Amino acid sequence: MKFKTIIAAINVDDDLASGVLHTAAMLAKRDNAALWIVDVWPDLQYAMTTGIADPLGATAMLPSEANLEADRKAKAARRDELEKTATELYSKAQGLVLDGDPADQVAEFAREKDADLIVVGTHQKGAWKALLDGAISRDIAREAPCAIFLVPKSFAEKITSG
C-alpha cells in the first residue's frame, strides 16, 4: 500500500516530536505522499481556568486582553515554526496549528484530508499514569479514521540518530 496523505501529529515541545517528524517524512518521501505536520493549540480560556496545558502559566482566571494577545502571538510563532520545519523537512509538507482537544482535532483533520496514516509519538505510559496524566496518543488512536503509526522513545532515538 502506498500512502497518499500522512499527518504527523506532534507537540513541538515534546521530546518525541523529532522522531515523529523523521518517521512521517521518511514514509511520505518513500510514497511521494502529501505530509501535514500539525500541532494542537489549547483553548486559552479552558487552559487558564483549569491550569491544564496553560501556555502562559496563569491559572484560575478569565483571560485578559493582554493574555489573549500573548496567546495569539505564541500561536502565530508556533505556526511559523511548523511551516519552517515543514519546508525544511520535505517539499510536499505543510505545517498547521489546530485549536482545541488534540484527539478530536487530529481525527477531524484526518477525515477532512482523507488521510491514510497518522504518525504520533507515544510515551508508553502505564494504565495508572495514563489515567492521571492523560495519553493523547491513545486518544488519537481511538478517534482516528485511518491507520496509526506510534513512535515510541526507543524508535525515535534510532531514527533521529541515523
N, C-alpha and C. Protein backbone atom coordinates (compact mmCIF):
# COMPACT_ATOMS: atom_id res chain seq x y z
N MET A 1 0.83 -1.18 0.00
CA MET A 1 0.00 0.00 0.00
C MET A 1 0.88 1.25 0.00
N LYS A 2 0.50 2.19 -0.83
CA LYS A 2 1.18 3.48 -0.85
C LYS A 2 0.29 4.50 -0.15
N PHE A 3 0.93 5.30 0.69
CA PHE A 3 0.20 6.36 1.38
C PHE A 3 0.11 7.58 0.45
N LYS A 4 -1.04 8.24 0.48
CA LYS A 4 -1.22 9.47 -0.31
C LYS A 4 -1.14 10.70 0.58
N THR A 5 -1.69 10.58 1.79
CA THR A 5 -1.71 11.71 2.72
C THR A 5 -1.35 11.21 4.12
N ILE A 6 -0.32 11.82 4.70
CA ILE A 6 0.16 11.45 6.03
C ILE A 6 0.09 12.67 6.93
N ILE A 7 -0.33 12.44 8.16
CA ILE A 7 -0.37 13.50 9.16
C ILE A 7 0.63 13.16 10.26
N ALA A 8 1.53 14.08 10.54
CA ALA A 8 2.44 13.95 11.69
C ALA A 8 1.85 14.82 12.79
N ALA A 9 1.30 14.19 13.81
CA ALA A 9 0.68 14.91 14.93
C ALA A 9 1.72 15.04 16.03
N ILE A 10 2.15 16.28 16.29
CA ILE A 10 3.22 16.49 17.27
C ILE A 10 2.84 17.57 18.27
N ASN A 11 3.59 17.58 19.34
CA ASN A 11 3.65 18.72 20.24
C ASN A 11 5.10 19.18 20.10
N VAL A 12 5.31 20.33 19.54
CA VAL A 12 6.66 20.82 19.26
C VAL A 12 7.56 20.73 20.49
N ASP A 13 6.98 20.92 21.67
CA ASP A 13 7.76 20.92 22.91
C ASP A 13 8.06 19.52 23.44
N ASP A 14 7.50 18.49 22.83
CA ASP A 14 7.68 17.12 23.31
C ASP A 14 8.98 16.53 22.78
N ASP A 15 9.64 15.71 23.59
CA ASP A 15 10.91 15.11 23.17
C ASP A 15 10.76 14.09 22.05
N LEU A 16 9.54 13.64 21.74
CA LEU A 16 9.33 12.69 20.66
C LEU A 16 9.04 13.37 19.31
N ALA A 17 8.88 14.68 19.31
CA ALA A 17 8.49 15.39 18.08
C ALA A 17 9.45 15.13 16.94
N SER A 18 10.73 15.19 17.19
CA SER A 18 11.72 14.97 16.13
C SER A 18 11.61 13.56 15.54
N GLY A 19 11.42 12.57 16.39
CA GLY A 19 11.26 11.20 15.92
C GLY A 19 10.01 11.02 15.08
N VAL A 20 8.93 11.66 15.50
CA VAL A 20 7.67 11.60 14.74
C VAL A 20 7.87 12.26 13.38
N LEU A 21 8.52 13.43 13.36
CA LEU A 21 8.74 14.14 12.11
C LEU A 21 9.61 13.34 11.15
N HIS A 22 10.70 12.77 11.65
CA HIS A 22 11.58 11.97 10.79
C HIS A 22 10.86 10.74 10.25
N THR A 23 10.07 10.09 11.07
CA THR A 23 9.32 8.91 10.64
C THR A 23 8.31 9.29 9.56
N ALA A 24 7.52 10.32 9.81
CA ALA A 24 6.50 10.74 8.86
C ALA A 24 7.13 11.18 7.54
N ALA A 25 8.23 11.93 7.61
CA ALA A 25 8.90 12.39 6.39
C ALA A 25 9.46 11.21 5.60
N MET A 26 10.04 10.24 6.29
CA MET A 26 10.58 9.06 5.62
C MET A 26 9.47 8.33 4.85
N LEU A 27 8.33 8.14 5.49
CA LEU A 27 7.21 7.45 4.84
C LEU A 27 6.63 8.28 3.70
N ALA A 28 6.51 9.58 3.90
CA ALA A 28 5.97 10.45 2.85
C ALA A 28 6.88 10.48 1.63
N LYS A 29 8.18 10.60 1.86
CA LYS A 29 9.13 10.62 0.74
C LYS A 29 9.11 9.29 -0.01
N ARG A 30 9.04 8.19 0.74
CA ARG A 30 9.00 6.86 0.12
C ARG A 30 7.85 6.74 -0.86
N ASP A 31 6.67 7.28 -0.47
CA ASP A 31 5.47 7.13 -1.29
C ASP A 31 5.10 8.38 -2.06
N ASN A 32 5.95 9.42 -1.99
CA ASN A 32 5.65 10.69 -2.65
C ASN A 32 4.29 11.24 -2.19
N ALA A 33 4.05 11.10 -0.90
CA ALA A 33 2.76 11.49 -0.31
C ALA A 33 2.78 12.92 0.20
N ALA A 34 1.60 13.49 0.33
CA ALA A 34 1.47 14.79 1.00
C ALA A 34 1.68 14.56 2.49
N LEU A 35 2.33 15.53 3.14
CA LEU A 35 2.58 15.43 4.57
C LEU A 35 2.09 16.69 5.26
N TRP A 36 1.24 16.52 6.26
CA TRP A 36 0.76 17.61 7.09
C TRP A 36 1.38 17.45 8.46
N ILE A 37 2.04 18.49 8.94
CA ILE A 37 2.60 18.50 10.30
C ILE A 37 1.68 19.38 11.12
N VAL A 38 1.02 18.76 12.12
CA VAL A 38 0.05 19.50 12.91
C VAL A 38 0.40 19.46 14.39
N ASP A 39 0.16 20.57 15.03
CA ASP A 39 0.26 20.70 16.48
C ASP A 39 -1.08 21.28 16.91
N VAL A 40 -1.54 20.92 18.09
CA VAL A 40 -2.84 21.40 18.55
C VAL A 40 -2.64 22.40 19.68
N TRP A 41 -3.19 23.58 19.49
CA TRP A 41 -3.08 24.67 20.46
C TRP A 41 -4.26 24.60 21.42
N PRO A 42 -4.01 24.62 22.72
CA PRO A 42 -5.11 24.51 23.67
C PRO A 42 -5.98 25.76 23.69
N ASP A 43 -7.24 25.58 24.02
CA ASP A 43 -8.16 26.69 24.20
C ASP A 43 -7.70 27.51 25.41
N LEU A 44 -7.42 28.77 25.23
CA LEU A 44 -6.86 29.61 26.29
C LEU A 44 -7.77 29.69 27.52
N GLN A 45 -9.05 29.92 27.31
CA GLN A 45 -9.94 30.08 28.46
C GLN A 45 -10.01 28.78 29.26
N TYR A 46 -10.12 27.64 28.60
CA TYR A 46 -10.15 26.35 29.30
C TYR A 46 -8.83 26.12 30.03
N ALA A 47 -7.74 26.39 29.36
CA ALA A 47 -6.43 26.16 29.96
C ALA A 47 -6.22 27.05 31.18
N MET A 48 -6.66 28.27 31.10
CA MET A 48 -6.44 29.19 32.21
C MET A 48 -7.32 28.88 33.41
N THR A 49 -8.55 28.45 33.18
CA THR A 49 -9.44 28.17 34.30
C THR A 49 -9.15 26.82 34.94
N THR A 50 -8.53 25.90 34.20
CA THR A 50 -8.22 24.59 34.76
C THR A 50 -6.75 24.42 35.11
N GLY A 51 -5.89 25.25 34.50
CA GLY A 51 -4.45 25.09 34.70
C GLY A 51 -3.86 24.01 33.82
N ILE A 52 -4.65 23.43 32.92
CA ILE A 52 -4.19 22.35 32.05
C ILE A 52 -3.64 22.94 30.75
N ALA A 53 -2.45 22.55 30.40
CA ALA A 53 -1.81 22.96 29.14
C ALA A 53 -1.82 24.47 28.99
N ASP A 54 -1.57 25.17 30.04
CA ASP A 54 -1.62 26.62 30.04
C ASP A 54 -0.30 27.20 29.54
N PRO A 55 -0.27 27.72 28.32
CA PRO A 55 0.99 28.23 27.77
C PRO A 55 1.50 29.49 28.48
N LEU A 56 0.66 30.16 29.24
CA LEU A 56 1.07 31.40 29.88
C LEU A 56 1.39 31.23 31.36
N GLY A 57 1.10 30.06 31.93
CA GLY A 57 1.41 29.81 33.32
C GLY A 57 0.42 30.41 34.31
N ALA A 58 -0.64 31.03 33.84
CA ALA A 58 -1.63 31.62 34.73
C ALA A 58 -2.79 30.64 34.89
N THR A 59 -3.37 30.60 36.08
CA THR A 59 -4.50 29.69 36.30
C THR A 59 -5.63 30.39 37.02
N ALA A 60 -6.78 29.76 36.94
CA ALA A 60 -7.97 30.16 37.68
C ALA A 60 -8.38 31.62 37.42
N MET A 61 -8.32 32.04 36.17
CA MET A 61 -8.79 33.39 35.84
C MET A 61 -9.28 33.41 34.40
N LEU A 62 -10.09 34.37 34.11
CA LEU A 62 -10.50 34.55 32.73
C LEU A 62 -9.39 35.30 32.00
N PRO A 63 -9.21 35.01 30.73
CA PRO A 63 -8.12 35.67 30.02
C PRO A 63 -8.36 37.17 29.84
N SER A 64 -7.34 37.94 30.11
CA SER A 64 -7.41 39.38 29.87
C SER A 64 -7.03 39.64 28.42
N GLU A 65 -7.18 40.86 27.99
CA GLU A 65 -6.78 41.22 26.63
C GLU A 65 -5.29 40.98 26.43
N ALA A 66 -4.50 41.26 27.46
CA ALA A 66 -3.05 41.01 27.37
C ALA A 66 -2.76 39.52 27.22
N ASN A 67 -3.50 38.69 27.97
CA ASN A 67 -3.32 37.24 27.84
C ASN A 67 -3.74 36.75 26.46
N LEU A 68 -4.85 37.29 25.97
CA LEU A 68 -5.32 36.90 24.64
C LEU A 68 -4.30 37.29 23.57
N GLU A 69 -3.74 38.49 23.70
CA GLU A 69 -2.73 38.94 22.73
C GLU A 69 -1.47 38.08 22.81
N ALA A 70 -1.04 37.77 24.03
CA ALA A 70 0.14 36.90 24.20
C ALA A 70 -0.13 35.52 23.62
N ASP A 71 -1.34 35.02 23.79
CA ASP A 71 -1.71 33.72 23.24
C ASP A 71 -1.70 33.76 21.72
N ARG A 72 -2.24 34.82 21.13
CA ARG A 72 -2.24 34.96 19.66
C ARG A 72 -0.82 34.99 19.12
N LYS A 73 0.06 35.74 19.79
CA LYS A 73 1.45 35.83 19.35
C LYS A 73 2.17 34.48 19.48
N ALA A 74 1.94 33.80 20.59
CA ALA A 74 2.58 32.49 20.80
C ALA A 74 2.08 31.48 19.77
N LYS A 75 0.79 31.51 19.48
CA LYS A 75 0.22 30.60 18.48
C LYS A 75 0.78 30.92 17.09
N ALA A 76 0.90 32.19 16.75
CA ALA A 76 1.46 32.58 15.45
C ALA A 76 2.92 32.14 15.34
N ALA A 77 3.66 32.27 16.43
CA ALA A 77 5.06 31.81 16.44
C ALA A 77 5.13 30.31 16.23
N ARG A 78 4.23 29.57 16.87
CA ARG A 78 4.19 28.11 16.70
C ARG A 78 3.87 27.75 15.26
N ARG A 79 2.90 28.46 14.67
CA ARG A 79 2.53 28.21 13.27
C ARG A 79 3.72 28.48 12.35
N ASP A 80 4.42 29.59 12.58
CA ASP A 80 5.59 29.91 11.77
C ASP A 80 6.67 28.83 11.92
N GLU A 81 6.87 28.36 13.14
CA GLU A 81 7.86 27.31 13.40
C GLU A 81 7.48 26.02 12.65
N LEU A 82 6.20 25.66 12.67
CA LEU A 82 5.76 24.45 11.97
C LEU A 82 5.91 24.60 10.46
N GLU A 83 5.57 25.76 9.94
CA GLU A 83 5.71 25.99 8.50
C GLU A 83 7.18 25.91 8.07
N LYS A 84 8.07 26.49 8.87
CA LYS A 84 9.50 26.45 8.58
C LYS A 84 10.02 25.01 8.64
N THR A 85 9.62 24.29 9.67
CA THR A 85 10.02 22.89 9.81
C THR A 85 9.54 22.07 8.62
N ALA A 86 8.30 22.28 8.22
CA ALA A 86 7.74 21.55 7.08
C ALA A 86 8.54 21.82 5.81
N THR A 87 8.84 23.08 5.56
CA THR A 87 9.59 23.46 4.36
C THR A 87 10.97 22.80 4.33
N GLU A 88 11.62 22.76 5.49
CA GLU A 88 12.96 22.18 5.58
C GLU A 88 12.94 20.66 5.50
N LEU A 89 11.85 20.05 5.92
CA LEU A 89 11.78 18.61 6.04
C LEU A 89 11.50 17.91 4.71
N TYR A 90 10.55 18.46 3.94
CA TYR A 90 10.07 17.74 2.76
C TYR A 90 9.28 18.70 1.89
N SER A 91 9.51 18.65 0.59
CA SER A 91 8.88 19.62 -0.32
C SER A 91 7.36 19.55 -0.34
N LYS A 92 6.78 18.40 -0.01
CA LYS A 92 5.32 18.27 -0.02
C LYS A 92 4.74 18.35 1.40
N ALA A 93 5.47 18.94 2.31
CA ALA A 93 4.99 19.06 3.70
C ALA A 93 4.44 20.45 3.95
N GLN A 94 3.42 20.50 4.79
CA GLN A 94 2.82 21.76 5.22
C GLN A 94 2.62 21.71 6.72
N GLY A 95 2.83 22.83 7.39
CA GLY A 95 2.64 22.92 8.83
C GLY A 95 1.36 23.66 9.16
N LEU A 96 0.71 23.23 10.24
CA LEU A 96 -0.56 23.82 10.60
C LEU A 96 -0.77 23.69 12.11
N VAL A 97 -1.38 24.71 12.71
CA VAL A 97 -1.75 24.66 14.11
C VAL A 97 -3.27 24.54 14.18
N LEU A 98 -3.74 23.50 14.86
CA LEU A 98 -5.17 23.30 15.06
C LEU A 98 -5.53 23.81 16.46
N ASP A 99 -6.80 24.04 16.71
CA ASP A 99 -7.26 24.54 18.01
C ASP A 99 -8.15 23.52 18.70
N GLY A 100 -7.94 23.32 20.01
CA GLY A 100 -8.86 22.51 20.79
C GLY A 100 -8.25 21.25 21.37
N ASP A 101 -9.08 20.22 21.45
CA ASP A 101 -8.68 18.93 22.00
C ASP A 101 -7.84 18.17 20.97
N PRO A 102 -6.63 17.73 21.33
CA PRO A 102 -5.76 17.08 20.35
C PRO A 102 -6.38 15.89 19.62
N ALA A 103 -6.96 14.96 20.35
CA ALA A 103 -7.51 13.77 19.70
C ALA A 103 -8.64 14.13 18.74
N ASP A 104 -9.56 14.95 19.19
CA ASP A 104 -10.68 15.34 18.34
C ASP A 104 -10.21 16.10 17.10
N GLN A 105 -9.31 17.05 17.29
CA GLN A 105 -8.86 17.89 16.19
C GLN A 105 -8.03 17.11 15.16
N VAL A 106 -7.14 16.25 15.64
CA VAL A 106 -6.32 15.45 14.72
C VAL A 106 -7.21 14.49 13.93
N ALA A 107 -8.15 13.83 14.61
CA ALA A 107 -9.05 12.91 13.92
C ALA A 107 -9.92 13.63 12.90
N GLU A 108 -10.45 14.79 13.28
CA GLU A 108 -11.28 15.56 12.35
C GLU A 108 -10.45 16.03 11.14
N PHE A 109 -9.23 16.49 11.40
CA PHE A 109 -8.37 16.92 10.31
C PHE A 109 -8.04 15.75 9.38
N ALA A 110 -7.81 14.57 9.95
CA ALA A 110 -7.53 13.38 9.15
C ALA A 110 -8.73 13.04 8.26
N ARG A 111 -9.92 13.20 8.79
CA ARG A 111 -11.13 12.97 7.98
C ARG A 111 -11.21 13.98 6.83
N GLU A 112 -10.97 15.26 7.16
CA GLU A 112 -11.05 16.32 6.14
C GLU A 112 -10.06 16.08 5.01
N LYS A 113 -8.86 15.63 5.36
CA LYS A 113 -7.81 15.43 4.35
C LYS A 113 -7.83 14.03 3.75
N ASP A 114 -8.77 13.18 4.21
CA ASP A 114 -8.83 11.79 3.77
C ASP A 114 -7.46 11.12 3.94
N ALA A 115 -6.88 11.31 5.10
CA ALA A 115 -5.53 10.80 5.39
C ALA A 115 -5.51 9.28 5.45
N ASP A 116 -4.38 8.73 5.04
CA ASP A 116 -4.17 7.29 5.09
C ASP A 116 -3.46 6.87 6.38
N LEU A 117 -2.73 7.82 7.00
CA LEU A 117 -1.89 7.48 8.14
C LEU A 117 -1.70 8.70 9.03
N ILE A 118 -1.73 8.45 10.34
CA ILE A 118 -1.36 9.46 11.33
C ILE A 118 -0.14 8.92 12.06
N VAL A 119 0.92 9.71 12.13
CA VAL A 119 2.12 9.34 12.87
C VAL A 119 2.14 10.19 14.14
N VAL A 120 2.25 9.52 15.29
CA VAL A 120 2.19 10.21 16.57
C VAL A 120 3.14 9.53 17.56
N GLY A 121 3.70 10.30 18.45
CA GLY A 121 4.60 9.75 19.47
C GLY A 121 3.83 9.16 20.63
N THR A 122 4.45 8.19 21.29
CA THR A 122 3.85 7.61 22.49
C THR A 122 4.89 7.45 23.58
N HIS A 123 4.53 7.88 24.77
CA HIS A 123 5.43 7.74 25.91
C HIS A 123 5.20 6.42 26.63
N GLN A 124 4.31 5.60 26.12
CA GLN A 124 4.03 4.26 26.64
C GLN A 124 3.78 4.27 28.14
N LYS A 125 2.87 5.12 28.54
CA LYS A 125 2.51 5.22 29.96
C LYS A 125 1.71 3.99 30.37
N GLY A 126 1.90 3.58 31.60
CA GLY A 126 1.08 2.51 32.15
C GLY A 126 -0.34 3.01 32.36
N ALA A 127 -1.24 2.11 32.71
CA ALA A 127 -2.66 2.45 32.84
C ALA A 127 -2.90 3.54 33.87
N TRP A 128 -2.27 3.47 35.04
CA TRP A 128 -2.50 4.46 36.08
C TRP A 128 -1.92 5.82 35.70
N LYS A 129 -0.73 5.82 35.13
CA LYS A 129 -0.12 7.10 34.72
C LYS A 129 -0.94 7.74 33.60
N ALA A 130 -1.40 6.92 32.66
CA ALA A 130 -2.23 7.44 31.57
C ALA A 130 -3.54 8.01 32.10
N LEU A 131 -4.10 7.34 33.10
CA LEU A 131 -5.35 7.81 33.69
C LEU A 131 -5.16 9.17 34.36
N LEU A 132 -4.06 9.33 35.07
CA LEU A 132 -3.79 10.57 35.79
C LEU A 132 -3.28 11.69 34.88
N ASP A 133 -2.36 11.37 34.00
CA ASP A 133 -1.72 12.38 33.15
C ASP A 133 -2.38 12.52 31.78
N GLY A 134 -3.12 11.53 31.38
CA GLY A 134 -3.68 11.51 30.04
C GLY A 134 -2.72 10.84 29.08
N ALA A 135 -3.24 10.32 28.02
CA ALA A 135 -2.43 9.68 27.00
C ALA A 135 -3.01 10.08 25.64
N ILE A 136 -2.48 11.16 25.11
CA ILE A 136 -3.03 11.72 23.88
C ILE A 136 -2.91 10.74 22.72
N SER A 137 -1.80 10.01 22.63
CA SER A 137 -1.65 9.05 21.52
C SER A 137 -2.74 7.99 21.58
N ARG A 138 -3.09 7.54 22.78
CA ARG A 138 -4.17 6.56 22.93
C ARG A 138 -5.49 7.16 22.46
N ASP A 139 -5.74 8.41 22.84
CA ASP A 139 -6.97 9.07 22.43
C ASP A 139 -7.03 9.28 20.93
N ILE A 140 -5.92 9.65 20.32
CA ILE A 140 -5.88 9.81 18.87
C ILE A 140 -6.14 8.47 18.19
N ALA A 141 -5.52 7.41 18.68
CA ALA A 141 -5.72 6.07 18.10
C ALA A 141 -7.19 5.67 18.19
N ARG A 142 -7.85 6.01 19.27
CA ARG A 142 -9.26 5.66 19.45
C ARG A 142 -10.14 6.45 18.48
N GLU A 143 -9.80 7.70 18.20
CA GLU A 143 -10.63 8.57 17.37
C GLU A 143 -10.28 8.51 15.87
N ALA A 144 -9.11 8.01 15.55
CA ALA A 144 -8.59 8.11 14.18
C ALA A 144 -9.44 7.38 13.14
N PRO A 145 -9.61 8.00 11.98
CA PRO A 145 -10.34 7.36 10.89
C PRO A 145 -9.42 6.59 9.93
N CYS A 146 -8.16 6.43 10.32
CA CYS A 146 -7.19 5.78 9.44
C CYS A 146 -6.14 5.05 10.29
N ALA A 147 -5.14 4.52 9.63
CA ALA A 147 -4.07 3.80 10.32
C ALA A 147 -3.24 4.76 11.18
N ILE A 148 -2.64 4.19 12.22
CA ILE A 148 -1.81 4.96 13.15
C ILE A 148 -0.43 4.32 13.20
N PHE A 149 0.60 5.12 13.18
CA PHE A 149 1.98 4.66 13.40
C PHE A 149 2.43 5.32 14.69
N LEU A 150 2.59 4.51 15.75
CA LEU A 150 3.03 5.02 17.04
C LEU A 150 4.55 4.99 17.11
N VAL A 151 5.14 6.12 17.48
CA VAL A 151 6.59 6.24 17.58
C VAL A 151 6.97 6.30 19.06
N PRO A 152 7.48 5.17 19.61
CA PRO A 152 7.93 5.20 21.00
C PRO A 152 9.33 5.83 21.09
N LYS A 153 9.74 6.15 22.29
CA LYS A 153 11.02 6.82 22.51
C LYS A 153 12.19 6.03 21.91
N SER A 154 12.19 4.70 22.08
CA SER A 154 13.31 3.88 21.56
C SER A 154 13.42 4.00 20.04
N PHE A 155 12.29 4.03 19.34
CA PHE A 155 12.32 4.17 17.88
C PHE A 155 12.70 5.59 17.50
N ALA A 156 12.19 6.58 18.21
CA ALA A 156 12.51 7.98 17.93
C ALA A 156 14.02 8.21 18.04
N GLU A 157 14.64 7.61 19.05
CA GLU A 157 16.09 7.75 19.22
C GLU A 157 16.84 7.11 18.07
N LYS A 158 16.38 5.95 17.60
CA LYS A 158 17.05 5.26 16.49
C LYS A 158 16.95 6.07 15.19
N ILE A 159 15.75 6.55 14.90
CA ILE A 159 15.55 7.22 13.61
C ILE A 159 16.20 8.60 13.57
N THR A 160 16.33 9.25 14.70
CA THR A 160 16.96 10.58 14.70
C THR A 160 18.47 10.53 14.79
N SER A 161 19.02 9.38 15.23
CA SER A 161 20.48 9.28 15.34
C SER A 161 21.12 8.76 14.06
N GLY A 162 20.31 8.23 13.16
CA GLY A 162 20.89 7.61 11.96
C GLY A 162 20.74 8.37 10.77
